[in-house]
Amino acid sequence: MADIEFPDSLLALERSAWENIQAGTLTVATARAVQDGIAAFAEQSGIPRYDVEMGLKRAVRHPAAEAA
């Protein structure tokens, strides 16, 4: 999963959602946008949706682990 090249737009959506989660302000619309982006990317890339979601969360929430 570490080698998935996520588009900047999907990374930005997940960053926004993560900031909202931490602030307690996540909306259904934001969560839906992230899930829709994940599903579209998974379909386009042929990577299983679960792997896309976990890789994206890891890239945004634990960037130091990705760099190692």
PDB file of N, CA and C in Angstrom:
ATOM      1  N   MET A   1       0.811  -1.203   0.000  1.00  0.00           N
ATOM      2  CA  MET A   1       0.000   0.000   0.000  1.00  0.00           C
ATOM      3  C   MET A   1       0.848   1.258   0.000  1.00  0.00           C
ATOM      4  N   ALA A   2       2.062   1.173   0.442  1.00  0.00           N
ATOM      5  CA  ALA A   2       2.904   2.352   0.571  1.00  0.00           C
ATOM      6  C   ALA A   2       3.198   3.002  -0.774  1.00  0.00           C
ATOM      7  N   ASP A   3       3.077   2.252  -1.862  1.00  0.00           N
ATOM      8  CA  ASP A   3       3.446   2.796  -3.161  1.00  0.00           C
ATOM      9  C   ASP A   3       2.262   3.291  -3.987  1.00  0.00           C
ATOM     10  N   ILE A   4       1.109   3.478  -3.364  1.00  0.00           N
ATOM     11  CA  ILE A   4      -0.040   4.011  -4.085  1.00  0.00           C
ATOM     12  C   ILE A   4       0.170   5.501  -4.313  1.00  0.00           C
ATOM     13  N   GLU A   5       0.021   5.928  -5.554  1.00  0.00           N
ATOM     14  CA  GLU A   5       0.148   7.346  -5.910  1.00  0.00           C
ATOM     15  C   GLU A   5      -1.236   7.976  -5.891  1.00  0.00           C
ATOM     16  N   PHE A   6      -1.578   8.603  -4.774  1.00  0.00           N
ATOM     17  CA  PHE A   6      -2.890   9.223  -4.648  1.00  0.00           C
ATOM     18  C   PHE A   6      -2.901  10.586  -5.336  1.00  0.00           C
ATOM     19  N   PRO A   7      -4.001  10.926  -6.002  1.00  0.00           N
ATOM     20  CA  PRO A   7      -4.098  12.267  -6.589  1.00  0.00           C
ATOM     21  C   PRO A   7      -4.183  13.311  -5.471  1.00  0.00           C
ATOM     22  N   ASP A   8      -3.657  14.495  -5.749  1.00  0.00           N
ATOM     23  CA  ASP A   8      -3.658  15.572  -4.759  1.00  0.00           C
ATOM     24  C   ASP A   8      -5.064  15.893  -4.271  1.00  0.00           C
ATOM     25  N   SER A   9      -6.040  15.811  -5.157  1.00  0.00           N
ATOM     26  CA  SER A   9      -7.417  16.130  -4.768  1.00  0.00           C
ATOM     27  C   SER A   9      -7.945  15.154  -3.711  1.00  0.00           C
ATOM     28  N   LEU A  10      -7.604  13.884  -3.832  1.00  0.00           N
ATOM     29  CA  LEU A  10      -8.052  12.895  -2.858  1.00  0.00           C
ATOM     30  C   LEU A  10      -7.319  13.081  -1.528  1.00  0.00           C
ATOM     31  N   LEU A  11      -6.049  13.372  -1.594  1.00  0.00           N
ATOM     32  CA  LEU A  11      -5.290  13.657  -0.368  1.00  0.00           C
ATOM     33  C   LEU A  11      -5.856  14.878   0.349  1.00  0.00           C
ATOM     34  N   ALA A  12      -6.224  15.899  -0.412  1.00  0.00           N
ATOM     35  CA  ALA A  12      -6.793  17.111   0.185  1.00  0.00           C
ATOM     36  C   ALA A  12      -8.139  16.815   0.853  1.00  0.00           C
ATOM     37  N   LEU A  13      -8.958  15.995   0.216  1.00  0.00           N
ATOM     38  CA  LEU A  13     -10.241  15.616   0.816  1.00  0.00           C
ATOM     39  C   LEU A  13     -10.031  14.885   2.135  1.00  0.00           C
ATOM     40  N   GLU A  14      -9.110  13.934   2.154  1.00  0.00           N
ATOM     41  CA  GLU A  14      -8.858  13.171   3.378  1.00  0.00           C
ATOM     42  C   GLU A  14      -8.254  14.061   4.461  1.00  0.00           C
ATOM     43  N   ARG A  15      -7.365  14.976   4.081  1.00  0.00           N
ATOM     44  CA  ARG A  15      -6.799  15.910   5.073  1.00  0.00           C
ATOM     45  C   ARG A  15      -7.894  16.765   5.703  1.00  0.00           C
ATOM     46  N   SER A  16      -8.797  17.248   4.877  1.00  0.00           N
ATOM     47  CA  SER A  16      -9.908  18.055   5.368  1.00  0.00           C
ATOM     48  C   SER A  16     -10.782  17.245   6.317  1.00  0.00           C
ATOM     49  N   ALA A  17     -11.101  16.022   5.933  1.00  0.00           N
ATOM     50  CA  ALA A  17     -11.926  15.167   6.781  1.00  0.00           C
ATOM     51  C   ALA A  17     -11.216  14.871   8.100  1.00  0.00           C
ATOM     52  N   TRP A  18      -9.922  14.598   8.055  1.00  0.00           N
ATOM     53  CA  TRP A  18      -9.162  14.291   9.259  1.00  0.00           C
ATOM     54  C   TRP A  18      -9.135  15.504  10.201  1.00  0.00           C
ATOM     55  N   GLU A  19      -8.942  16.690   9.648  1.00  0.00           N
ATOM     56  CA  GLU A  19      -8.972  17.907  10.467  1.00  0.00           C
ATOM     57  C   GLU A  19     -10.350  18.090  11.094  1.00  0.00           C
ATOM     58  N   ASN A  20     -11.396  17.813  10.311  1.00  0.00           N
ATOM     59  CA  ASN A  20     -12.765  17.922  10.832  1.00  0.00           C
ATOM     60  C   ASN A  20     -13.031  16.898  11.934  1.00  0.00           C
ATOM     61  N   ILE A  21     -12.533  15.695  11.760  1.00  0.00           N
ATOM     62  CA  ILE A  21     -12.696  14.657  12.783  1.00  0.00           C
ATOM     63  C   ILE A  21     -12.047  15.110  14.080  1.00  0.00           C
ATOM     64  N   GLN A  22     -10.836  15.615  13.977  1.00  0.00           N
ATOM     65  CA  GLN A  22     -10.114  16.056  15.169  1.00  0.00           C
ATOM     66  C   GLN A  22     -10.814  17.224  15.861  1.00  0.00           C
ATOM     67  N   ALA A  23     -11.449  18.078  15.094  1.00  0.00           N
ATOM     68  CA  ALA A  23     -12.155  19.234  15.648  1.00  0.00           C
ATOM     69  C   ALA A  23     -13.588  18.905  16.064  1.00  0.00           C
ATOM     70  N   GLY A  24     -14.050  17.713  15.714  1.00  0.00           N
ATOM     71  CA  GLY A  24     -15.423  17.324  16.030  1.00  0.00           C
ATOM     72  C   GLY A  24     -16.446  17.976  15.130  1.00  0.00           C
ATOM     73  N   THR A  25     -16.040  18.323  13.905  1.00  0.00           N
ATOM     74  CA  THR A  25     -16.936  19.034  12.993  1.00  0.00           C
ATOM     75  C   THR A  25     -17.167  18.312  11.666  1.00  0.00           C
ATOM     76  N   LEU A  26     -16.849  17.033  11.610  1.00  0.00           N
ATOM     77  CA  LEU A  26     -17.024  16.288  10.367  1.00  0.00           C
ATOM     78  C   LEU A  26     -18.500  16.251   9.985  1.00  0.00           C
ATOM     79  N   THR A  27     -18.774  16.558   8.735  1.00  0.00           N
ATOM     80  CA  THR A  27     -20.150  16.512   8.233  1.00  0.00           C
ATOM     81  C   THR A  27     -20.338  15.275   7.356  1.00  0.00           C
ATOM     82  N   VAL A  28     -21.579  14.925   7.174  1.00  0.00           N
ATOM     83  CA  VAL A  28     -21.903  13.804   6.290  1.00  0.00           C
ATOM     84  C   VAL A  28     -21.427  14.104   4.874  1.00  0.00           C
ATOM     85  N   ALA A  29     -21.568  15.339   4.442  1.00  0.00           N
ATOM     86  CA  ALA A  29     -21.159  15.721   3.085  1.00  0.00           C
ATOM     87  C   ALA A  29     -19.657  15.519   2.887  1.00  0.00           C
ATOM     88  N   THR A  30     -18.862  15.899   3.874  1.00  0.00           N
ATOM     89  CA  THR A  30     -17.410  15.724   3.763  1.00  0.00           C
ATOM     90  C   THR A  30     -17.052  14.250   3.764  1.00  0.00           C
ATOM     91  N   ALA A  31     -17.645  13.496   4.672  1.00  0.00           N
ATOM     92  CA  ALA A  31     -17.370  12.058   4.731  1.00  0.00           C
ATOM     93  C   ALA A  31     -17.776  11.374   3.427  1.00  0.00           C
ATOM     94  N   ARG A  32     -18.925  11.761   2.887  1.00  0.00           N
ATOM     95  CA  ARG A  32     -19.406  11.192   1.625  1.00  0.00           C
ATOM     96  C   ARG A  32     -18.447  11.528   0.482  1.00  0.00           C
ATOM     97  N   ALA A  33     -17.954  12.758   0.447  1.00  0.00           N
ATOM     98  CA  ALA A  33     -17.028  13.159  -0.617  1.00  0.00           C
ATOM     99  C   ALA A  33     -15.757  12.311  -0.578  1.00  0.00           C
ATOM    100  N   VAL A  34     -15.256  12.053   0.615  1.00  0.00           N
ATOM    101  CA  VAL A  34     -14.060  11.216   0.738  1.00  0.00           C
ATOM    102  C   VAL A  34     -14.362   9.803   0.271  1.00  0.00           C
ATOM    103  N   GLN A  35     -15.468   9.234   0.720  1.00  0.00           N
ATOM    104  CA  GLN A  35     -15.821   7.867   0.331  1.00  0.00           C
ATOM    105  C   GLN A  35     -16.063   7.745  -1.171  1.00  0.00           C
ATOM    106  N   ASP A  36     -16.706   8.744  -1.747  1.00  0.00           N
ATOM    107  CA  ASP A  36     -16.915   8.734  -3.196  1.00  0.00           C
ATOM    108  C   ASP A  36     -15.585   8.808  -3.941  1.00  0.00           C
ATOM    109  N   GLY A  37     -14.674   9.643  -3.436  1.00  0.00           N
ATOM    110  CA  GLY A  37     -13.345   9.756  -4.044  1.00  0.00           C
ATOM    111  C   GLY A  37     -12.567   8.460  -3.951  1.00  0.00           C
ATOM    112  N   ILE A  38     -12.658   7.809  -2.805  1.00  0.00           N
ATOM    113  CA  ILE A  38     -11.981   6.521  -2.612  1.00  0.00           C
ATOM    114  C   ILE A  38     -12.539   5.484  -3.575  1.00  0.00           C
ATOM    115  N   ALA A  39     -13.853   5.410  -3.662  1.00  0.00           N
ATOM    116  CA  ALA A  39     -14.481   4.431  -4.549  1.00  0.00           C
ATOM    117  C   ALA A  39     -14.098   4.666  -6.011  1.00  0.00           C
ATOM    118  N   ALA A  40     -14.113   5.917  -6.429  1.00  0.00           N
ATOM    119  CA  ALA A  40     -13.766   6.246  -7.815  1.00  0.00           C
ATOM    120  C   ALA A  40     -12.302   5.913  -8.103  1.00  0.00           C
ATOM    121  N   PHE A  41     -11.423   6.249  -7.181  1.00  0.00           N
ATOM    122  CA  PHE A  41     -10.000   5.963  -7.374  1.00  0.00           C
ATOM    123  C   PHE A  41      -9.760   4.455  -7.405  1.00  0.00           C
ATOM    124  N   ALA A  42     -10.418   3.729  -6.517  1.00  0.00           N
ATOM    125  CA  ALA A  42     -10.253   2.270  -6.488  1.00  0.00           C
ATOM    126  C   ALA A  42     -10.704   1.645  -7.807  1.00  0.00           C
ATOM    127  N   GLU A  43     -11.834   2.097  -8.310  1.00  0.00           N
ATOM    128  CA  GLU A  43     -12.341   1.560  -9.573  1.00  0.00           C
ATOM    129  C   GLU A  43     -11.402   1.887 -10.732  1.00  0.00           C
ATOM    130  N   GLN A  44     -10.933   3.124 -10.764  1.00  0.00           N
ATOM    131  CA  GLN A  44     -10.055   3.570 -11.854  1.00  0.00           C
ATOM    132  C   GLN A  44      -8.707   2.854 -11.821  1.00  0.00           C
ATOM    133  N   SER A  45      -8.161   2.672 -10.616  1.00  0.00           N
ATOM    134  CA  SER A  45      -6.819   2.111 -10.483  1.00  0.00           C
ATOM    135  C   SER A  45      -6.794   0.591 -10.441  1.00  0.00           C
ATOM    136  N   GLY A  46      -7.947  -0.021 -10.135  1.00  0.00           N
ATOM    137  CA  GLY A  46      -7.982  -1.473 -10.014  1.00  0.00           C
ATOM    138  C   GLY A  46      -7.455  -1.968  -8.673  1.00  0.00           C
ATOM    139  N   ILE A  47      -7.216  -1.061  -7.751  1.00  0.00           N
ATOM    140  CA  ILE A  47      -6.752  -1.413  -6.413  1.00  0.00           C
ATOM    141  C   ILE A  47      -7.987  -1.631  -5.543  1.00  0.00           C
ATOM    142  N   PRO A  48      -7.999  -2.676  -4.725  1.00  0.00           N
ATOM    143  CA  PRO A  48      -9.171  -2.892  -3.868  1.00  0.00           C
ATOM    144  C   PRO A  48      -9.502  -1.656  -3.023  1.00  0.00           C
ATOM    145  N   ARG A  49     -10.784  -1.376  -2.893  1.00  0.00           N
ATOM    146  CA  ARG A  49     -11.247  -0.189  -2.174  1.00  0.00           C
ATOM    147  C   ARG A  49     -10.701  -0.136  -0.760  1.00  0.00           C
ATOM    148  N   TYR A  50     -10.685  -1.265  -0.079  1.00  0.00           N
ATOM    149  CA  TYR A  50     -10.163  -1.315   1.292  1.00  0.00           C
ATOM    150  C   TYR A  50      -8.706  -0.870   1.327  1.00  0.00           C
ATOM    151  N   ASP A  51      -7.900  -1.353   0.392  1.00  0.00           N
ATOM    152  CA  ASP A  51      -6.486  -0.979   0.343  1.00  0.00           C
ATOM    153  C   ASP A  51      -6.315   0.507   0.061  1.00  0.00           C
ATOM    154  N   VAL A  52      -7.160   1.046  -0.811  1.00  0.00           N
ATOM    155  CA  VAL A  52      -7.113   2.479  -1.104  1.00  0.00           C
ATOM    156  C   VAL A  52      -7.428   3.273   0.159  1.00  0.00           C
ATOM    157  N   GLU A  53      -8.502   2.901   0.840  1.00  0.00           N
ATOM    158  CA  GLU A  53      -8.905   3.644   2.038  1.00  0.00           C
ATOM    159  C   GLU A  53      -7.839   3.572   3.127  1.00  0.00           C
ATOM    160  N   MET A  54      -7.322   2.395   3.386  1.00  0.00           N
ATOM    161  CA  MET A  54      -6.304   2.256   4.434  1.00  0.00           C
ATOM    162  C   MET A  54      -5.010   2.982   4.055  1.00  0.00           C
ATOM    163  N   GLY A  55      -4.621   2.887   2.800  1.00  0.00           N
ATOM    164  CA  GLY A  55      -3.420   3.576   2.343  1.00  0.00           C
ATOM    165  C   GLY A  55      -3.562   5.088   2.418  1.00  0.00           C
ATOM    166  N   LEU A  56      -4.740   5.578   2.059  1.00  0.00           N
ATOM    167  CA  LEU A  56      -4.997   7.013   2.109  1.00  0.00           C
ATOM    168  C   LEU A  56      -4.966   7.515   3.548  1.00  0.00           C
ATOM    169  N   LYS A  57      -5.619   6.808   4.438  1.00  0.00           N
ATOM    170  CA  LYS A  57      -5.607   7.211   5.853  1.00  0.00           C
ATOM    171  C   LYS A  57      -4.191   7.190   6.404  1.00  0.00           C
ATOM    172  N   ARG A  58      -3.441   6.165   6.060  1.00  0.00           N
ATOM    173  CA  ARG A  58      -2.056   6.075   6.529  1.00  0.00           C
ATOM    174  C   ARG A  58      -1.227   7.242   5.984  1.00  0.00           C
ATOM    175  N   ALA A  59      -1.414   7.568   4.719  1.00  0.00           N
ATOM    176  CA  ALA A  59      -0.643   8.657   4.103  1.00  0.00           C
ATOM    177  C   ALA A  59      -0.935  10.003   4.757  1.00  0.00           C
ATOM    178  N   VAL A  60      -2.204  10.229   5.143  1.00  0.00           N
ATOM    179  CA  VAL A  60      -2.594  11.512   5.727  1.00  0.00           C
ATOM    180  C   VAL A  60      -2.350  11.542   7.226  1.00  0.00           C
ATOM    181  N   ARG A  61      -2.704  10.486   7.915  1.00  0.00           N
ATOM    182  CA  ARG A  61      -2.646  10.487   9.383  1.00  0.00           C
ATOM    183  C   ARG A  61      -1.301  10.108   9.947  1.00  0.00           C
ATOM    184  N   HIS A  62      -0.503   9.382   9.187  1.00  0.00           N
ATOM    185  CA  HIS A  62       0.808   8.923   9.666  1.00  0.00           C
ATOM    186  C   HIS A  62       1.873   9.110   8.582  1.00  0.00           C
ATOM    187  N   PRO A  63       2.080  10.333   8.123  1.00  0.00           N
ATOM    188  CA  PRO A  63       3.010  10.547   7.014  1.00  0.00           C
ATOM    189  C   PRO A  63       4.447  10.109   7.319  1.00  0.00           C
ATOM    190  N   ALA A  64       4.854  10.139   8.565  1.00  0.00           N
ATOM    191  CA  ALA A  64       6.214   9.727   8.916  1.00  0.00           C
ATOM    192  C   ALA A  64       6.411   8.240   8.632  1.00  0.00           C
ATOM    193  N   ALA A  65       5.379   7.437   8.847  1.00  0.00           N
ATOM    194  CA  ALA A  65       5.463   6.008   8.579  1.00  0.00           C
ATOM    195  C   ALA A  65       5.612   5.740   7.082  1.00  0.00           C
ATOM    196  N   GLU A  66       4.998   6.564   6.249  1.00  0.00           N
ATOM    197  CA  GLU A  66       5.097   6.420   4.798  1.00  0.00           C
ATOM    198  C   GLU A  66       6.500   6.745   4.306  1.00  0.00           C
ATOM    199  N   ALA A  67       7.144   7.708   4.949  1.00  0.00           N
ATOM    200  CA  ALA A  67       8.474   8.142   4.514  1.00  0.00           C
ATOM    201  C   ALA A  67       9.554   7.137   4.883  1.00  0.00           C
ATOM    202  N   ALA A  68       9.290   6.313   5.878  1.00  0.00           N
ATOM    203  CA  ALA A  68      10.295   5.353   6.369  1.00  0.00           C
ATOM    204  C   ALA A  68      10.492   4.200   5.426  1.00  0.00           C
TER     205      ALA A  68
END
